[in-house]
Amino acid sequence: MSVSPKLQQLLTDNGVSFTALDIFNQEFGKGRMMSRRYDADQVDSFLDKVVKDYERLYKLLGDMEVEVEAFRESISNKAEMSVEHLHVRLRKIEHFLQNKR
C-alpha cells in the first residue's frame, strides 16, 4: 500500500518506524531463543494479521488526511467569503452615510 510522503513523514515524526511492507518482508533467523522454538506458521499468521492492520491504518489515515485538507479548504473559503461579505457591507454603509449628508 502506498502512503503519501506527508503522511509517511507524520508517522515517522510520531515514532511509527515500520511500514506494512517492512513487517511483510521481515525474516527471522533459524536460531534458538532460550531453547524455545517458535512455530513458523504461527509467526507468519500473526505477521499477516499485523500487516493487514497496518494497511487498514494507513488507509484510514490517508482518508483522514484527505478529509482534513478538504476541511481546511472549506474553512479558508468561508473566511474569504466572510471578508468579502464585510467589504460589501462596508461599501453599503459608506454609501448610506454619503447619501445622508
N, C-alpha and C. Protein backbone atom coordinates (compact mmCIF):
# COMPACT_ATOMS: atom_id res chain seq x y z
N MET A 1 0.85 -1.18 0.00
CA MET A 1 0.00 0.00 0.00
C MET A 1 0.88 1.23 0.00
N SER A 2 0.55 2.17 -0.84
CA SER A 2 1.33 3.40 -0.96
C SER A 2 0.82 4.43 0.04
N VAL A 3 1.75 5.14 0.66
CA VAL A 3 1.42 6.16 1.64
C VAL A 3 1.97 7.48 1.12
N SER A 4 1.18 8.56 1.26
CA SER A 4 1.65 9.85 0.78
C SER A 4 2.90 10.26 1.57
N PRO A 5 3.80 10.99 0.94
CA PRO A 5 5.01 11.42 1.65
C PRO A 5 4.69 12.23 2.92
N LYS A 6 3.64 13.05 2.85
CA LYS A 6 3.25 13.87 4.01
C LYS A 6 2.82 12.97 5.17
N LEU A 7 2.02 11.95 4.86
CA LEU A 7 1.56 11.01 5.88
C LEU A 7 2.73 10.19 6.42
N GLN A 8 3.62 9.75 5.54
CA GLN A 8 4.78 8.98 5.97
C GLN A 8 5.63 9.80 6.92
N GLN A 9 5.80 11.10 6.62
CA GLN A 9 6.59 11.97 7.50
C GLN A 9 5.90 12.13 8.85
N LEU A 10 4.58 12.27 8.85
CA LEU A 10 3.82 12.38 10.10
C LEU A 10 4.00 11.13 10.94
N LEU A 11 3.91 9.96 10.31
CA LEU A 11 4.08 8.71 11.04
C LEU A 11 5.50 8.61 11.61
N THR A 12 6.49 8.94 10.80
CA THR A 12 7.88 8.88 11.24
C THR A 12 8.12 9.85 12.41
N ASP A 13 7.58 11.06 12.28
CA ASP A 13 7.75 12.07 13.33
C ASP A 13 7.13 11.62 14.65
N ASN A 14 6.13 10.73 14.57
CA ASN A 14 5.45 10.27 15.77
C ASN A 14 5.88 8.88 16.20
N GLY A 15 7.03 8.44 15.70
CA GLY A 15 7.64 7.21 16.19
C GLY A 15 7.16 5.93 15.55
N VAL A 16 6.39 6.01 14.47
CA VAL A 16 5.97 4.80 13.76
C VAL A 16 7.10 4.44 12.82
N SER A 17 7.83 3.39 13.17
CA SER A 17 9.04 3.09 12.42
C SER A 17 8.88 1.99 11.38
N PHE A 18 7.78 1.26 11.43
CA PHE A 18 7.58 0.17 10.48
C PHE A 18 6.45 0.50 9.52
N THR A 19 6.63 0.05 8.30
CA THR A 19 5.53 0.08 7.33
C THR A 19 5.00 -1.35 7.21
N ALA A 20 3.86 -1.49 6.58
CA ALA A 20 3.32 -2.83 6.37
C ALA A 20 4.30 -3.67 5.56
N LEU A 21 4.96 -3.04 4.60
CA LEU A 21 5.94 -3.74 3.78
C LEU A 21 7.14 -4.19 4.61
N ASP A 22 7.59 -3.34 5.54
CA ASP A 22 8.69 -3.73 6.44
C ASP A 22 8.33 -5.00 7.21
N ILE A 23 7.12 -5.04 7.72
CA ILE A 23 6.68 -6.19 8.51
C ILE A 23 6.57 -7.43 7.62
N PHE A 24 5.99 -7.22 6.43
CA PHE A 24 5.82 -8.33 5.50
C PHE A 24 7.16 -8.94 5.11
N ASN A 25 8.17 -8.10 4.91
CA ASN A 25 9.48 -8.57 4.44
C ASN A 25 10.42 -9.02 5.57
N GLN A 26 10.00 -8.86 6.82
CA GLN A 26 10.86 -9.24 7.95
C GLN A 26 11.12 -10.74 7.94
N GLU A 27 12.37 -11.10 8.08
CA GLU A 27 12.74 -12.51 8.16
C GLU A 27 13.41 -12.76 9.50
N PHE A 28 13.25 -13.95 10.02
CA PHE A 28 13.82 -14.32 11.30
C PHE A 28 14.83 -15.44 11.09
N GLY A 29 15.86 -15.40 11.91
CA GLY A 29 16.89 -16.45 11.84
C GLY A 29 16.36 -17.78 12.33
N LYS A 30 17.10 -18.81 12.09
CA LYS A 30 16.70 -20.17 12.48
C LYS A 30 17.22 -20.56 13.86
N GLY A 31 17.89 -19.62 14.55
CA GLY A 31 18.49 -19.92 15.85
C GLY A 31 17.46 -20.21 16.93
N ARG A 32 17.98 -20.56 18.07
CA ARG A 32 17.13 -20.86 19.21
C ARG A 32 17.08 -19.64 20.11
N MET A 33 15.98 -19.46 20.74
CA MET A 33 15.82 -18.35 21.66
C MET A 33 15.50 -18.95 23.02
N MET A 34 16.48 -18.97 23.90
CA MET A 34 16.34 -19.56 25.22
C MET A 34 15.79 -20.99 25.12
N SER A 35 16.34 -21.73 24.19
CA SER A 35 15.98 -23.13 23.92
C SER A 35 14.49 -23.32 23.63
N ARG A 36 13.85 -22.30 23.13
CA ARG A 36 12.45 -22.39 22.75
C ARG A 36 12.32 -22.00 21.29
N ARG A 37 11.68 -22.80 20.53
CA ARG A 37 11.47 -22.50 19.12
C ARG A 37 10.03 -22.03 18.91
N TYR A 38 9.90 -21.16 17.94
CA TYR A 38 8.56 -20.65 17.60
C TYR A 38 8.05 -21.36 16.36
N ASP A 39 6.77 -21.59 16.34
CA ASP A 39 6.13 -22.22 15.19
C ASP A 39 6.10 -21.20 14.06
N ALA A 40 6.80 -21.49 12.97
CA ALA A 40 6.92 -20.56 11.84
C ALA A 40 5.56 -20.21 11.27
N ASP A 41 4.64 -21.18 11.21
CA ASP A 41 3.31 -20.91 10.67
C ASP A 41 2.53 -19.94 11.55
N GLN A 42 2.68 -20.08 12.88
CA GLN A 42 2.01 -19.16 13.79
C GLN A 42 2.58 -17.75 13.67
N VAL A 43 3.90 -17.67 13.56
CA VAL A 43 4.55 -16.35 13.40
C VAL A 43 4.08 -15.72 12.09
N ASP A 44 4.09 -16.48 11.01
CA ASP A 44 3.64 -15.96 9.71
C ASP A 44 2.18 -15.51 9.76
N SER A 45 1.35 -16.31 10.40
CA SER A 45 -0.07 -15.96 10.51
C SER A 45 -0.25 -14.66 11.29
N PHE A 46 0.48 -14.55 12.40
CA PHE A 46 0.40 -13.33 13.21
C PHE A 46 0.88 -12.12 12.41
N LEU A 47 2.01 -12.25 11.74
CA LEU A 47 2.55 -11.14 10.96
C LEU A 47 1.60 -10.75 9.82
N ASP A 48 0.92 -11.72 9.22
CA ASP A 48 -0.07 -11.41 8.20
C ASP A 48 -1.18 -10.53 8.76
N LYS A 49 -1.63 -10.84 9.97
CA LYS A 49 -2.66 -10.03 10.63
C LYS A 49 -2.14 -8.62 10.92
N VAL A 50 -0.89 -8.52 11.39
CA VAL A 50 -0.30 -7.22 11.68
C VAL A 50 -0.20 -6.39 10.41
N VAL A 51 0.23 -7.01 9.31
CA VAL A 51 0.33 -6.32 8.02
C VAL A 51 -1.04 -5.79 7.60
N LYS A 52 -2.08 -6.60 7.73
CA LYS A 52 -3.43 -6.17 7.35
C LYS A 52 -3.89 -5.00 8.21
N ASP A 53 -3.58 -5.07 9.52
CA ASP A 53 -3.92 -3.95 10.40
C ASP A 53 -3.20 -2.68 9.97
N TYR A 54 -1.93 -2.78 9.65
CA TYR A 54 -1.17 -1.62 9.19
C TYR A 54 -1.77 -1.05 7.91
N GLU A 55 -2.13 -1.92 6.98
CA GLU A 55 -2.73 -1.45 5.74
C GLU A 55 -4.04 -0.72 6.00
N ARG A 56 -4.86 -1.26 6.91
CA ARG A 56 -6.12 -0.58 7.27
C ARG A 56 -5.83 0.75 7.93
N LEU A 57 -4.82 0.77 8.81
CA LEU A 57 -4.44 2.01 9.49
C LEU A 57 -3.98 3.06 8.49
N TYR A 58 -3.13 2.67 7.53
CA TYR A 58 -2.66 3.61 6.52
C TYR A 58 -3.81 4.13 5.68
N LYS A 59 -4.75 3.26 5.34
CA LYS A 59 -5.90 3.70 4.54
C LYS A 59 -6.73 4.69 5.34
N LEU A 60 -6.98 4.37 6.60
CA LEU A 60 -7.76 5.25 7.47
C LEU A 60 -7.06 6.61 7.60
N LEU A 61 -5.76 6.60 7.86
CA LEU A 61 -5.03 7.86 7.99
C LEU A 61 -5.00 8.64 6.68
N GLY A 62 -4.88 7.94 5.57
CA GLY A 62 -4.91 8.60 4.26
C GLY A 62 -6.26 9.25 4.01
N ASP A 63 -7.34 8.54 4.33
CA ASP A 63 -8.68 9.10 4.18
C ASP A 63 -8.86 10.32 5.07
N MET A 64 -8.35 10.23 6.29
CA MET A 64 -8.47 11.35 7.23
C MET A 64 -7.65 12.55 6.74
N GLU A 65 -6.51 12.28 6.13
CA GLU A 65 -5.68 13.35 5.59
C GLU A 65 -6.45 14.11 4.51
N VAL A 66 -7.15 13.38 3.65
CA VAL A 66 -7.96 13.99 2.59
C VAL A 66 -9.08 14.82 3.21
N GLU A 67 -9.74 14.27 4.23
CA GLU A 67 -10.83 14.99 4.89
C GLU A 67 -10.34 16.27 5.57
N VAL A 68 -9.20 16.19 6.23
CA VAL A 68 -8.64 17.37 6.91
C VAL A 68 -8.32 18.45 5.88
N GLU A 69 -7.73 18.05 4.76
CA GLU A 69 -7.39 19.03 3.71
C GLU A 69 -8.66 19.68 3.16
N ALA A 70 -9.71 18.88 2.94
CA ALA A 70 -10.98 19.43 2.46
C ALA A 70 -11.58 20.37 3.49
N PHE A 71 -11.48 20.03 4.76
CA PHE A 71 -11.98 20.88 5.83
C PHE A 71 -11.22 22.20 5.88
N ARG A 72 -9.90 22.12 5.75
CA ARG A 72 -9.09 23.35 5.74
C ARG A 72 -9.48 24.25 4.57
N GLU A 73 -9.69 23.64 3.42
CA GLU A 73 -10.08 24.42 2.24
C GLU A 73 -11.44 25.06 2.46
N SER A 74 -12.36 24.31 3.06
CA SER A 74 -13.69 24.83 3.33
C SER A 74 -13.62 26.02 4.29
N ILE A 75 -12.81 25.89 5.32
CA ILE A 75 -12.65 26.99 6.28
C ILE A 75 -12.05 28.21 5.59
N SER A 76 -11.07 27.98 4.77
CA SER A 76 -10.42 29.06 4.05
C SER A 76 -11.42 29.77 3.14
N ASN A 77 -12.23 29.00 2.43
CA ASN A 77 -13.24 29.59 1.55
C ASN A 77 -14.26 30.40 2.33
N LYS A 78 -14.67 29.89 3.47
CA LYS A 78 -15.65 30.61 4.30
C LYS A 78 -15.05 31.90 4.84
N ALA A 79 -13.78 31.85 5.22
CA ALA A 79 -13.11 33.05 5.73
C ALA A 79 -13.03 34.09 4.62
N GLU A 80 -12.69 33.65 3.40
CA GLU A 80 -12.62 34.57 2.28
C GLU A 80 -14.00 35.16 1.99
N MET A 81 -15.04 34.32 2.05
CA MET A 81 -16.39 34.81 1.80
C MET A 81 -16.79 35.81 2.88
N SER A 82 -16.41 35.56 4.12
CA SER A 82 -16.75 36.46 5.21
C SER A 82 -16.09 37.82 5.02
N VAL A 83 -14.82 37.83 4.61
CA VAL A 83 -14.12 39.08 4.37
C VAL A 83 -14.79 39.83 3.22
N GLU A 84 -15.13 39.08 2.17
CA GLU A 84 -15.80 39.71 1.02
C GLU A 84 -17.15 40.26 1.44
N HIS A 85 -17.88 39.53 2.24
CA HIS A 85 -19.18 39.98 2.74
C HIS A 85 -19.02 41.27 3.57
N LEU A 86 -18.00 41.31 4.39
CA LEU A 86 -17.75 42.52 5.19
C LEU A 86 -17.44 43.72 4.30
N HIS A 87 -16.68 43.50 3.24
CA HIS A 87 -16.39 44.60 2.30
C HIS A 87 -17.67 45.13 1.66
N VAL A 88 -18.55 44.23 1.28
CA VAL A 88 -19.81 44.64 0.67
C VAL A 88 -20.63 45.45 1.67
N ARG A 89 -20.71 44.97 2.88
CA ARG A 89 -21.48 45.70 3.91
C ARG A 89 -20.86 47.06 4.20
N LEU A 90 -19.53 47.10 4.25
CA LEU A 90 -18.84 48.37 4.49
C LEU A 90 -19.15 49.37 3.37
N ARG A 91 -19.13 48.90 2.13
CA ARG A 91 -19.46 49.78 1.00
C ARG A 91 -20.90 50.29 1.10
N LYS A 92 -21.80 49.43 1.52
CA LYS A 92 -23.20 49.85 1.68
C LYS A 92 -23.32 50.92 2.77
N ILE A 93 -22.61 50.71 3.86
CA ILE A 93 -22.64 51.70 4.95
C ILE A 93 -22.04 53.02 4.49
N GLU A 94 -20.92 52.96 3.77
CA GLU A 94 -20.31 54.18 3.25
C GLU A 94 -21.27 54.90 2.32
N HIS A 95 -21.93 54.14 1.45
CA HIS A 95 -22.90 54.73 0.53
C HIS A 95 -24.04 55.38 1.30
N PHE A 96 -24.54 54.68 2.31
CA PHE A 96 -25.62 55.20 3.13
C PHE A 96 -25.19 56.51 3.82
N LEU A 97 -24.00 56.52 4.40
CA LEU A 97 -23.51 57.72 5.09
C LEU A 97 -23.30 58.89 4.11
N GLN A 98 -22.84 58.62 2.93
CA GLN A 98 -22.63 59.67 1.92
C GLN A 98 -23.98 60.25 1.49
N ASN A 99 -24.99 59.44 1.38
CA ASN A 99 -26.31 59.91 0.96
C ASN A 99 -27.03 60.66 2.07
N LYS A 100 -26.65 60.45 3.31
CA LYS A 100 -27.26 61.12 4.44
C LYS A 100 -26.78 62.55 4.57
N ARG A 101 -25.63 62.86 4.02
CA ARG A 101 -25.06 64.21 4.16
C ARG A 101 -25.82 65.19 3.41
